[in-house]
Amino acid sequence: LEPRSYTNVPVGETFVVLGAARSDGEISPTPSSPLEEAELTIDSALFGLAHTFDLAGKSAKLDVATARLCYEGSAIFQGEFVEGRRCEYADPKMRLTWNFYGAPALTLKDFASWKPGLVVGGSLQVSIPVGTYDSEHLINAGANRWMVRPGIGMSRRRGRFSWELMASVRWFEDNDDFFNGVHVEQDPLYSLQAHFIYRFNKGRWISVNGNWFQGGETTQDGVEADDYMENSRWGLTFSMPLSPHHSLKFFGHTGVVTRVGNEFDTYGAAWQYRF
């Protein structure tokens, strides 16, 4: 859930983001999974860096994000109760976003007099498989495969209200060293997001967020795993500036529909600094 991904922002700005989040809940495994009654708690330390720039006269942004994850959980694994705790590094993700319509490249000084309207843009995100991974573990922070995610989105502002719609698809490289050396192929995962945003005075805003994603069925050593996803989540995001350079963001979201995957509640906070 990523509100304000396709809104115009001033160019020539650099942002650093530090955050923390907790996800807690149950895992809904596939019928073929060796896990039963699985519960997991994930504590995340988040880091992000972004820079905005002029691309063909329109605003663009390049960002990179990664996380350090500490998770603990328990489950029935092949008929036996197991539990454990590990701390690992997630795969970093890089994304280029270009608002090619309705988002002129403006400096911070000129941006104040710009009147927003309809903005349309595209993005391309890549997940780089350098995170922690061990094929002897069924659950890992790293994925041991590349992921490419193109997307398109639009936003529209009317007074204090604005809305945003986004669509994307994730394409996955095969993982030839999954748990116990199993070869895993995964179908594309399609997702839609919608955000409804209200702006208060002094730069504060709140967003109601929702998504729907489906697909992503895997094949393990040529055998279909019956893990086709049809899941949905919703949540809230609140942002407030502390000064011209510092701001805080608070977020939370939960599952609405989960066929296969996680039934997690997630909440956290992030601090942002603008150079």
C-alpha atoms as a PDB file:
ATOM      1  CA  LEU A   1       0.000   0.000   0.000  1.00  0.00           C
ATOM      2  CA  GLU A   2       1.869   3.010  -1.357  1.00  0.00           C
ATOM      3  CA  PRO A   3      -0.124   6.286  -1.302  1.00  0.00           C
ATOM      4  CA  ARG A   4       1.123   9.301  -3.260  1.00  0.00           C
ATOM      5  CA  SER A   5       3.357   7.260  -5.554  1.00  0.00           C
ATOM      6  CA  TYR A   6       2.029   9.138  -8.600  1.00  0.00           C
ATOM      7  CA  THR A   7       1.777  12.715  -7.374  1.00  0.00           C
ATOM      8  CA  ASN A   8       3.980  15.515  -8.631  1.00  0.00           C
ATOM      9  CA  VAL A   9       6.943  16.490  -6.434  1.00  0.00           C
ATOM     10  CA  PRO A  10       9.627  19.192  -6.809  1.00  0.00           C
ATOM     11  CA  VAL A  11      12.756  18.124  -8.691  1.00  0.00           C
ATOM     12  CA  GLY A  12      16.312  18.372  -7.403  1.00  0.00           C
ATOM     13  CA  GLU A  13      15.375  17.055  -3.953  1.00  0.00           C
ATOM     14  CA  THR A  14      16.918  14.149  -2.028  1.00  0.00           C
ATOM     15  CA  PHE A  15      15.155  12.261   0.752  1.00  0.00           C
ATOM     16  CA  VAL A  16      16.342   9.813   3.407  1.00  0.00           C
ATOM     17  CA  VAL A  17      13.806   7.602   5.200  1.00  0.00           C
ATOM     18  CA  LEU A  18      14.304   5.541   8.361  1.00  0.00           C
ATOM     19  CA  GLY A  19      11.463   3.499   9.772  1.00  0.00           C
ATOM     20  CA  ALA A  20      10.317   0.559  11.842  1.00  0.00           C
ATOM     21  CA  ALA A  21       7.375  -1.786  11.379  1.00  0.00           C
ATOM     22  CA  ARG A  22       5.831  -4.880  12.927  1.00  0.00           C
ATOM     23  CA  SER A  23       3.783  -7.543  11.135  1.00  0.00           C
ATOM     24  CA  ASP A  24       2.004 -10.165  13.187  1.00  0.00           C
ATOM     25  CA  GLY A  25      -0.404 -12.925  12.300  1.00  0.00           C
ATOM     26  CA  GLU A  26      -1.007 -16.305  10.729  1.00  0.00           C
ATOM     27  CA  ILE A  27       0.242 -17.825   7.490  1.00  0.00           C
ATOM     28  CA  SER A  28      -2.357 -19.478   5.264  1.00  0.00           C
ATOM     29  CA  PRO A  29      -0.281 -22.247   3.648  1.00  0.00           C
ATOM     30  CA  THR A  30      -1.054 -24.165   0.481  1.00  0.00           C
ATOM     31  CA  PRO A  31      -2.513 -27.684   0.745  1.00  0.00           C
ATOM     32  CA  SER A  32       0.886 -29.083  -0.278  1.00  0.00           C
ATOM     33  CA  SER A  33       2.843 -27.103   2.345  1.00  0.00           C
ATOM     34  CA  PRO A  34       4.484 -29.021   5.213  1.00  0.00           C
ATOM     35  CA  LEU A  35       3.423 -26.207   7.582  1.00  0.00           C
ATOM     36  CA  GLU A  36       0.297 -26.177   9.751  1.00  0.00           C
ATOM     37  CA  GLU A  37      -0.930 -23.697  12.364  1.00  0.00           C
ATOM     38  CA  ALA A  38       1.870 -21.294  11.398  1.00  0.00           C
ATOM     39  CA  GLU A  39       2.171 -17.960  13.228  1.00  0.00           C
ATOM     40  CA  LEU A  40       4.838 -15.353  12.588  1.00  0.00           C
ATOM     41  CA  THR A  41       5.918 -11.977  13.997  1.00  0.00           C
ATOM     42  CA  ILE A  42       8.254  -9.809  11.896  1.00  0.00           C
ATOM     43  CA  ASP A  43      10.027  -6.703  13.214  1.00  0.00           C
ATOM     44  CA  SER A  44      11.548  -4.586  10.441  1.00  0.00           C
ATOM     45  CA  ALA A  45      14.104  -1.781  10.419  1.00  0.00           C
ATOM     46  CA  LEU A  46      13.567   0.111   7.144  1.00  0.00           C
ATOM     47  CA  PHE A  47      15.916   2.333   5.136  1.00  0.00           C
ATOM     48  CA  GLY A  48      15.149   4.267   1.980  1.00  0.00           C
ATOM     49  CA  LEU A  49      16.833   6.854  -0.233  1.00  0.00           C
ATOM     50  CA  ALA A  50      15.165   8.820  -3.053  1.00  0.00           C
ATOM     51  CA  HIS A  51      16.094  11.585  -5.474  1.00  0.00           C
ATOM     52  CA  THR A  52      13.797  13.588  -7.756  1.00  0.00           C
ATOM     53  CA  PHE A  53      14.956  14.942 -11.126  1.00  0.00           C
ATOM     54  CA  ASP A  54      13.878  16.306 -14.512  1.00  0.00           C
ATOM     55  CA  LEU A  55      13.209  13.657 -17.187  1.00  0.00           C
ATOM     56  CA  ALA A  56      12.156  15.095 -20.575  1.00  0.00           C
ATOM     57  CA  GLY A  57      10.610  18.110 -18.843  1.00  0.00           C
ATOM     58  CA  LYS A  58       8.533  16.020 -16.411  1.00  0.00           C
ATOM     59  CA  SER A  59       9.181  15.031 -12.812  1.00  0.00           C
ATOM     60  CA  ALA A  60      10.839  11.687 -12.078  1.00  0.00           C
ATOM     61  CA  LYS A  61      12.091   9.880  -8.989  1.00  0.00           C
ATOM     62  CA  LEU A  62      14.641   7.166  -8.361  1.00  0.00           C
ATOM     63  CA  ASP A  63      14.418   5.367  -5.027  1.00  0.00           C
ATOM     64  CA  VAL A  64      16.022   2.403  -3.291  1.00  0.00           C
ATOM     65  CA  ALA A  65      14.735   0.658  -0.166  1.00  0.00           C
ATOM     66  CA  THR A  66      15.853  -2.251   1.976  1.00  0.00           C
ATOM     67  CA  ALA A  67      15.232  -3.686   5.440  1.00  0.00           C
ATOM     68  CA  ARG A  68      16.714  -5.679   8.294  1.00  0.00           C
ATOM     69  CA  LEU A  69      14.158  -8.248   9.483  1.00  0.00           C
ATOM     70  CA  CYS A  70      13.960 -10.054  12.808  1.00  0.00           C
ATOM     71  CA  TYR A  71      11.219 -12.653  12.880  1.00  0.00           C
ATOM     72  CA  GLU A  72      10.055 -15.361  15.214  1.00  0.00           C
ATOM     73  CA  GLY A  73       7.289 -17.886  14.905  1.00  0.00           C
ATOM     74  CA  SER A  74       5.967 -21.358  15.493  1.00  0.00           C
ATOM     75  CA  ALA A  75       4.205 -24.035  13.460  1.00  0.00           C
ATOM     76  CA  ILE A  76       3.492 -27.711  13.113  1.00  0.00           C
ATOM     77  CA  PHE A  77       6.104 -28.906  10.597  1.00  0.00           C
ATOM     78  CA  GLN A  78       5.672 -32.458   9.262  1.00  0.00           C
ATOM     79  CA  GLY A  79       3.721 -33.355  12.402  1.00  0.00           C
ATOM     80  CA  GLU A  80       6.132 -31.822  14.921  1.00  0.00           C
ATOM     81  CA  PHE A  81       5.937 -28.497  16.788  1.00  0.00           C
ATOM     82  CA  VAL A  82       8.789 -26.158  15.851  1.00  0.00           C
ATOM     83  CA  GLU A  83       9.677 -22.576  16.752  1.00  0.00           C
ATOM     84  CA  GLY A  84      12.564 -20.228  16.110  1.00  0.00           C
ATOM     85  CA  ARG A  85      13.894 -16.696  15.739  1.00  0.00           C
ATOM     86  CA  ARG A  86      16.282 -15.217  13.174  1.00  0.00           C
ATOM     87  CA  CYS A  87      17.476 -11.794  11.983  1.00  0.00           C
ATOM     88  CA  GLU A  88      18.259 -11.365   8.281  1.00  0.00           C
ATOM     89  CA  TYR A  89      18.524  -8.802   5.471  1.00  0.00           C
ATOM     90  CA  ALA A  90      15.802  -8.425   2.845  1.00  0.00           C
ATOM     91  CA  ASP A  91      16.477  -8.003  -0.876  1.00  0.00           C
ATOM     92  CA  PRO A  92      16.904  -4.307  -1.779  1.00  0.00           C
ATOM     93  CA  LYS A  93      14.462  -2.820  -4.290  1.00  0.00           C
ATOM     94  CA  MET A  94      15.156  -0.036  -6.783  1.00  0.00           C
ATOM     95  CA  ARG A  95      12.411   1.879  -8.607  1.00  0.00           C
ATOM     96  CA  LEU A  96      12.211   4.548 -11.272  1.00  0.00           C
ATOM     97  CA  THR A  97       8.964   6.539 -11.404  1.00  0.00           C
ATOM     98  CA  TRP A  98       8.213   9.013 -14.207  1.00  0.00           C
ATOM     99  CA  ASN A  99       5.095  11.174 -14.166  1.00  0.00           C
ATOM    100  CA  PHE A 100       4.900  11.778 -17.904  1.00  0.00           C
ATOM    101  CA  TYR A 101       1.559  13.673 -17.968  1.00  0.00           C
ATOM    102  CA  GLY A 102       0.422  16.636 -15.869  1.00  0.00           C
ATOM    103  CA  ALA A 103       3.599  16.808 -13.765  1.00  0.00           C
ATOM    104  CA  PRO A 104       6.007  19.481 -15.040  1.00  0.00           C
ATOM    105  CA  ALA A 105       9.521  19.409 -13.615  1.00  0.00           C
ATOM    106  CA  LEU A 106       9.520  22.306 -11.130  1.00  0.00           C
ATOM    107  CA  THR A 107      11.959  23.418  -8.469  1.00  0.00           C
ATOM    108  CA  LEU A 108      10.741  23.798  -4.908  1.00  0.00           C
ATOM    109  CA  LYS A 109      10.441  27.571  -5.375  1.00  0.00           C
ATOM    110  CA  ASP A 110       8.274  27.279  -8.514  1.00  0.00           C
ATOM    111  CA  PHE A 111       6.299  24.310  -7.187  1.00  0.00           C
ATOM    112  CA  ALA A 112       4.442  26.472  -4.637  1.00  0.00           C
ATOM    113  CA  SER A 113       2.559  28.317  -7.410  1.00  0.00           C
ATOM    114  CA  TRP A 114       1.728  25.216  -9.469  1.00  0.00           C
ATOM    115  CA  LYS A 115      -1.953  24.190  -9.625  1.00  0.00           C
ATOM    116  CA  PRO A 116      -2.267  20.388  -9.547  1.00  0.00           C
ATOM    117  CA  GLY A 117      -4.677  18.457 -11.760  1.00  0.00           C
ATOM    118  CA  LEU A 118      -4.586  15.024 -13.358  1.00  0.00           C
ATOM    119  CA  VAL A 119      -1.183  13.300 -13.168  1.00  0.00           C
ATOM    120  CA  VAL A 120      -0.360  10.060 -15.023  1.00  0.00           C
ATOM    121  CA  GLY A 121       2.876   8.143 -14.676  1.00  0.00           C
ATOM    122  CA  GLY A 122       4.692   4.858 -14.999  1.00  0.00           C
ATOM    123  CA  SER A 123       7.224   3.021 -12.875  1.00  0.00           C
ATOM    124  CA  LEU A 124       9.662   0.120 -13.004  1.00  0.00           C
ATOM    125  CA  GLN A 125      10.837  -1.613  -9.832  1.00  0.00           C
ATOM    126  CA  VAL A 126      13.502  -4.317  -9.563  1.00  0.00           C
ATOM    127  CA  SER A 127      14.223  -6.544  -6.568  1.00  0.00           C
ATOM    128  CA  ILE A 128      17.913  -7.538  -6.385  1.00  0.00           C
ATOM    129  CA  PRO A 129      18.563 -11.008  -4.895  1.00  0.00           C
ATOM    130  CA  VAL A 130      21.394 -10.198  -2.473  1.00  0.00           C
ATOM    131  CA  GLY A 131      19.455 -10.593   0.789  1.00  0.00           C
ATOM    132  CA  THR A 132      19.931 -13.393   3.312  1.00  0.00           C
ATOM    133  CA  TYR A 133      18.982 -16.780   1.887  1.00  0.00           C
ATOM    134  CA  ASP A 134      19.494 -20.400   2.943  1.00  0.00           C
ATOM    135  CA  SER A 135      17.782 -23.236   1.059  1.00  0.00           C
ATOM    136  CA  GLU A 136      17.761 -25.292   4.278  1.00  0.00           C
ATOM    137  CA  HIS A 137      15.185 -22.821   5.650  1.00  0.00           C
ATOM    138  CA  LEU A 138      11.583 -22.813   4.433  1.00  0.00           C
ATOM    139  CA  ILE A 139      11.232 -19.089   5.277  1.00  0.00           C
ATOM    140  CA  ASN A 140      13.898 -16.545   4.292  1.00  0.00           C
ATOM    141  CA  ALA A 141      14.178 -12.751   4.179  1.00  0.00           C
ATOM    142  CA  GLY A 142      15.799 -12.961   0.733  1.00  0.00           C
ATOM    143  CA  ALA A 143      14.076 -14.535  -2.267  1.00  0.00           C
ATOM    144  CA  ASN A 144      17.090 -15.913  -4.241  1.00  0.00           C
ATOM    145  CA  ARG A 145      15.607 -14.599  -7.505  1.00  0.00           C
ATOM    146  CA  TRP A 146      15.087 -11.394  -9.424  1.00  0.00           C
ATOM    147  CA  MET A 147      11.704  -9.697  -9.477  1.00  0.00           C
ATOM    148  CA  VAL A 148      10.660  -7.048 -12.030  1.00  0.00           C
ATOM    149  CA  ARG A 149       7.561  -4.948 -11.438  1.00  0.00           C
ATOM    150  CA  PRO A 150       6.317  -2.467 -14.070  1.00  0.00           C
ATOM    151  CA  GLY A 151       3.392  -0.279 -13.081  1.00  0.00           C
ATOM    152  CA  ILE A 152       1.163   2.589 -14.149  1.00  0.00           C
ATOM    153  CA  GLY A 153      -0.845   5.019 -12.065  1.00  0.00           C
ATOM    154  CA  MET A 154      -2.756   8.264 -11.955  1.00  0.00           C
ATOM    155  CA  SER A 155      -3.803  10.814  -9.366  1.00  0.00           C
ATOM    156  CA  ARG A 156      -6.267  13.696  -9.314  1.00  0.00           C
ATOM    157  CA  ARG A 157      -6.584  16.501  -6.783  1.00  0.00           C
ATOM    158  CA  ARG A 158      -9.710  18.544  -6.064  1.00  0.00           C
ATOM    159  CA  GLY A 159      -9.314  21.035  -3.239  1.00  0.00           C
ATOM    160  CA  ARG A 160      -8.325  19.176  -0.073  1.00  0.00           C
ATOM    161  CA  PHE A 161      -9.276  15.793  -1.539  1.00  0.00           C
ATOM    162  CA  SER A 162      -7.361  13.645  -3.996  1.00  0.00           C
ATOM    163  CA  TRP A 163      -7.534  10.083  -5.268  1.00  0.00           C
ATOM    164  CA  GLU A 164      -4.976   7.749  -6.756  1.00  0.00           C
ATOM    165  CA  LEU A 165      -5.258   4.521  -8.766  1.00  0.00           C
ATOM    166  CA  MET A 166      -2.357   2.174  -9.485  1.00  0.00           C
ATOM    167  CA  ALA A 167      -1.874  -1.105 -11.339  1.00  0.00           C
ATOM    168  CA  SER A 168       1.227  -3.285 -11.520  1.00  0.00           C
ATOM    169  CA  VAL A 169       2.435  -6.792 -12.280  1.00  0.00           C
ATOM    170  CA  ARG A 170       5.323  -8.694 -10.691  1.00  0.00           C
ATOM    171  CA  TRP A 171       7.362 -11.069 -12.854  1.00  0.00           C
ATOM    172  CA  PHE A 172       9.569 -13.555 -11.032  1.00  0.00           C
ATOM    173  CA  GLU A 173      12.730 -15.352 -12.020  1.00  0.00           C
ATOM    174  CA  ASP A 174      12.773 -19.090 -11.243  1.00  0.00           C
ATOM    175  CA  ASN A 175      14.282 -20.114  -7.906  1.00  0.00           C
ATOM    176  CA  ASP A 176      16.421 -23.191  -8.635  1.00  0.00           C
ATOM    177  CA  ASP A 177      17.431 -23.676  -4.990  1.00  0.00           C
ATOM    178  CA  PHE A 178      14.253 -23.501  -2.934  1.00  0.00           C
ATOM    179  CA  PHE A 179      13.754 -25.521   0.261  1.00  0.00           C
ATOM    180  CA  ASN A 180      15.756 -28.777   0.005  1.00  0.00           C
ATOM    181  CA  GLY A 181      16.834 -27.932  -3.544  1.00  0.00           C
ATOM    182  CA  VAL A 182      13.356 -27.800  -5.103  1.00  0.00           C
ATOM    183  CA  HIS A 183      13.052 -25.836  -8.389  1.00  0.00           C
ATOM    184  CA  VAL A 184      10.251 -23.242  -8.144  1.00  0.00           C
ATOM    185  CA  GLU A 185       8.555 -21.329 -10.954  1.00  0.00           C
ATOM    186  CA  GLN A 186       5.969 -18.622 -10.204  1.00  0.00           C
ATOM    187  CA  ASP A 187       3.311 -17.073 -12.406  1.00  0.00           C
ATOM    188  CA  PRO A 188       2.970 -13.257 -12.565  1.00  0.00           C
ATOM    189  CA  LEU A 189       1.228 -11.540  -9.653  1.00  0.00           C
ATOM    190  CA  TYR A 190      -1.209  -8.756 -10.640  1.00  0.00           C
ATOM    191  CA  SER A 191      -2.254  -5.994  -8.251  1.00  0.00           C
ATOM    192  CA  LEU A 192      -4.489  -2.926  -8.070  1.00  0.00           C
ATOM    193  CA  GLN A 193      -4.331  -0.138  -5.470  1.00  0.00           C
ATOM    194  CA  ALA A 194      -6.648   2.763  -4.641  1.00  0.00           C
ATOM    195  CA  HIS A 195      -5.977   5.660  -2.273  1.00  0.00           C
ATOM    196  CA  PHE A 196      -8.256   8.446  -1.067  1.00  0.00           C
ATOM    197  CA  ILE A 197      -6.332  11.326   0.506  1.00  0.00           C
ATOM    198  CA  TYR A 198      -7.429  14.325   2.573  1.00  0.00           C
ATOM    199  CA  ARG A 199      -5.074  17.230   3.187  1.00  0.00           C
ATOM    200  CA  PHE A 200      -5.216  19.169   6.438  1.00  0.00           C
ATOM    201  CA  ASN A 201      -3.526  22.504   7.094  1.00  0.00           C
ATOM    202  CA  LYS A 202       0.240  22.829   7.456  1.00  0.00           C
ATOM    203  CA  GLY A 203       1.174  19.908   5.211  1.00  0.00           C
ATOM    204  CA  ARG A 204      -0.583  17.133   7.126  1.00  0.00           C
ATOM    205  CA  TRP A 205      -2.525  14.474   5.229  1.00  0.00           C
ATOM    206  CA  ILE A 206      -4.307  11.175   5.801  1.00  0.00           C
ATOM    207  CA  SER A 207      -4.986   8.416   3.287  1.00  0.00           C
ATOM    208  CA  VAL A 208      -7.396   5.474   3.219  1.00  0.00           C
ATOM    209  CA  ASN A 209      -5.727   2.704   1.217  1.00  0.00           C
ATOM    210  CA  GLY A 210      -6.879  -0.553  -0.335  1.00  0.00           C
ATOM    211  CA  ASN A 211      -5.536  -3.155  -2.740  1.00  0.00           C
ATOM    212  CA  TRP A 212      -6.384  -6.390  -4.520  1.00  0.00           C
ATOM    213  CA  PHE A 213      -3.813  -8.834  -5.850  1.00  0.00           C
ATOM    214  CA  GLN A 214      -4.185 -12.167  -7.574  1.00  0.00           C
ATOM    215  CA  GLY A 215      -2.116 -14.763  -9.398  1.00  0.00           C
ATOM    216  CA  GLY A 216       1.353 -15.858  -8.377  1.00  0.00           C
ATOM    217  CA  GLU A 217       0.708 -19.619  -8.471  1.00  0.00           C
ATOM    218  CA  THR A 218       3.897 -21.654  -8.139  1.00  0.00           C
ATOM    219  CA  THR A 219       5.102 -24.906  -9.640  1.00  0.00           C
ATOM    220  CA  GLN A 220       7.570 -26.957  -7.574  1.00  0.00           C
ATOM    221  CA  ASP A 221       9.641 -29.464  -9.544  1.00  0.00           C
ATOM    222  CA  GLY A 222       6.899 -29.454 -12.182  1.00  0.00           C
ATOM    223  CA  VAL A 223       4.030 -30.006  -9.723  1.00  0.00           C
ATOM    224  CA  GLU A 224       1.431 -27.247  -9.276  1.00  0.00           C
ATOM    225  CA  ALA A 225       1.273 -26.093  -5.652  1.00  0.00           C
ATOM    226  CA  ASP A 226      -2.370 -24.879  -5.674  1.00  0.00           C
ATOM    227  CA  ASP A 227      -1.303 -21.523  -4.174  1.00  0.00           C
ATOM    228  CA  TYR A 228      -3.096 -19.114  -6.533  1.00  0.00           C
ATOM    229  CA  MET A 229      -3.628 -15.886  -4.570  1.00  0.00           C
ATOM    230  CA  GLU A 230      -6.786 -13.762  -4.421  1.00  0.00           C
ATOM    231  CA  ASN A 231      -6.030 -11.444  -1.527  1.00  0.00           C
ATOM    232  CA  SER A 232      -6.961  -7.942  -0.439  1.00  0.00           C
ATOM    233  CA  ARG A 233      -5.756  -5.511   2.224  1.00  0.00           C
ATOM    234  CA  TRP A 234      -6.789  -2.076   3.491  1.00  0.00           C
ATOM    235  CA  GLY A 235      -5.198   0.466   5.801  1.00  0.00           C
ATOM    236  CA  LEU A 236      -4.514   4.059   6.833  1.00  0.00           C
ATOM    237  CA  THR A 237      -1.511   6.356   6.423  1.00  0.00           C
ATOM    238  CA  PHE A 238      -0.994   9.672   8.254  1.00  0.00           C
ATOM    239  CA  SER A 239       1.848  12.110   7.555  1.00  0.00           C
ATOM    240  CA  MET A 240       2.824  15.286   9.373  1.00  0.00           C
ATOM    241  CA  PRO A 241       5.758  17.701   8.914  1.00  0.00           C
ATOM    242  CA  LEU A 242       7.913  18.613  11.892  1.00  0.00           C
ATOM    243  CA  SER A 243       9.883  21.312  10.052  1.00  0.00           C
ATOM    244  CA  PRO A 244      10.685  22.221   6.425  1.00  0.00           C
ATOM    245  CA  HIS A 245      13.143  19.301   6.334  1.00  0.00           C
ATOM    246  CA  HIS A 246      11.726  16.720   8.750  1.00  0.00           C
ATOM    247  CA  SER A 247       8.463  14.762   8.664  1.00  0.00           C
ATOM    248  CA  LEU A 248       6.875  11.712  10.290  1.00  0.00           C
ATOM    249  CA  LYS A 249       4.617   9.090   8.754  1.00  0.00           C
ATOM    250  CA  PHE A 250       2.467   6.517  10.571  1.00  0.00           C
ATOM    251  CA  PHE A 251       0.818   3.574   8.820  1.00  0.00           C
ATOM    252  CA  GLY A 252      -1.186   0.442   9.480  1.00  0.00           C
ATOM    253  CA  HIS A 253      -2.954  -2.143   7.333  1.00  0.00           C
ATOM    254  CA  THR A 254      -4.600  -5.518   7.662  1.00  0.00           C
ATOM    255  CA  GLY A 255      -5.893  -8.356   5.517  1.00  0.00           C
ATOM    256  CA  VAL A 256      -9.481  -8.306   4.251  1.00  0.00           C
ATOM    257  CA  VAL A 257      -9.460 -11.410   2.039  1.00  0.00           C
ATOM    258  CA  THR A 258      -6.733 -14.059   2.122  1.00  0.00           C
ATOM    259  CA  ARG A 259      -6.871 -17.279   0.116  1.00  0.00           C
ATOM    260  CA  VAL A 260      -3.191 -18.176   0.388  1.00  0.00           C
ATOM    261  CA  GLY A 261      -0.427 -16.135   2.017  1.00  0.00           C
ATOM    262  CA  ASN A 262      -0.274 -14.107   5.193  1.00  0.00           C
ATOM    263  CA  GLU A 263      -3.117 -12.915   7.389  1.00  0.00           C
ATOM    264  CA  PHE A 264      -0.973 -10.203   8.986  1.00  0.00           C
ATOM    265  CA  ASP A 265      -1.685  -6.964  10.801  1.00  0.00           C
ATOM    266  CA  THR A 266       1.080  -4.467  10.019  1.00  0.00           C
ATOM    267  CA  TYR A 267       1.824  -1.113  11.632  1.00  0.00           C
ATOM    268  CA  GLY A 268       4.809   1.187  11.835  1.00  0.00           C
ATOM    269  CA  ALA A 269       6.307   4.661  11.590  1.00  0.00           C
ATOM    270  CA  ALA A 270       8.939   6.368   9.462  1.00  0.00           C
ATOM    271  CA  TRP A 271      11.012   9.539   9.720  1.00  0.00           C
ATOM    272  CA  GLN A 272      11.901  11.416   6.542  1.00  0.00           C
ATOM    273  CA  TYR A 273      14.611  14.040   6.035  1.00  0.00           C
ATOM    274  CA  ARG A 274      14.780  16.253   2.943  1.00  0.00           C
ATOM    275  CA  PHE A 275      18.160  17.663   1.890  1.00  0.00           C
END
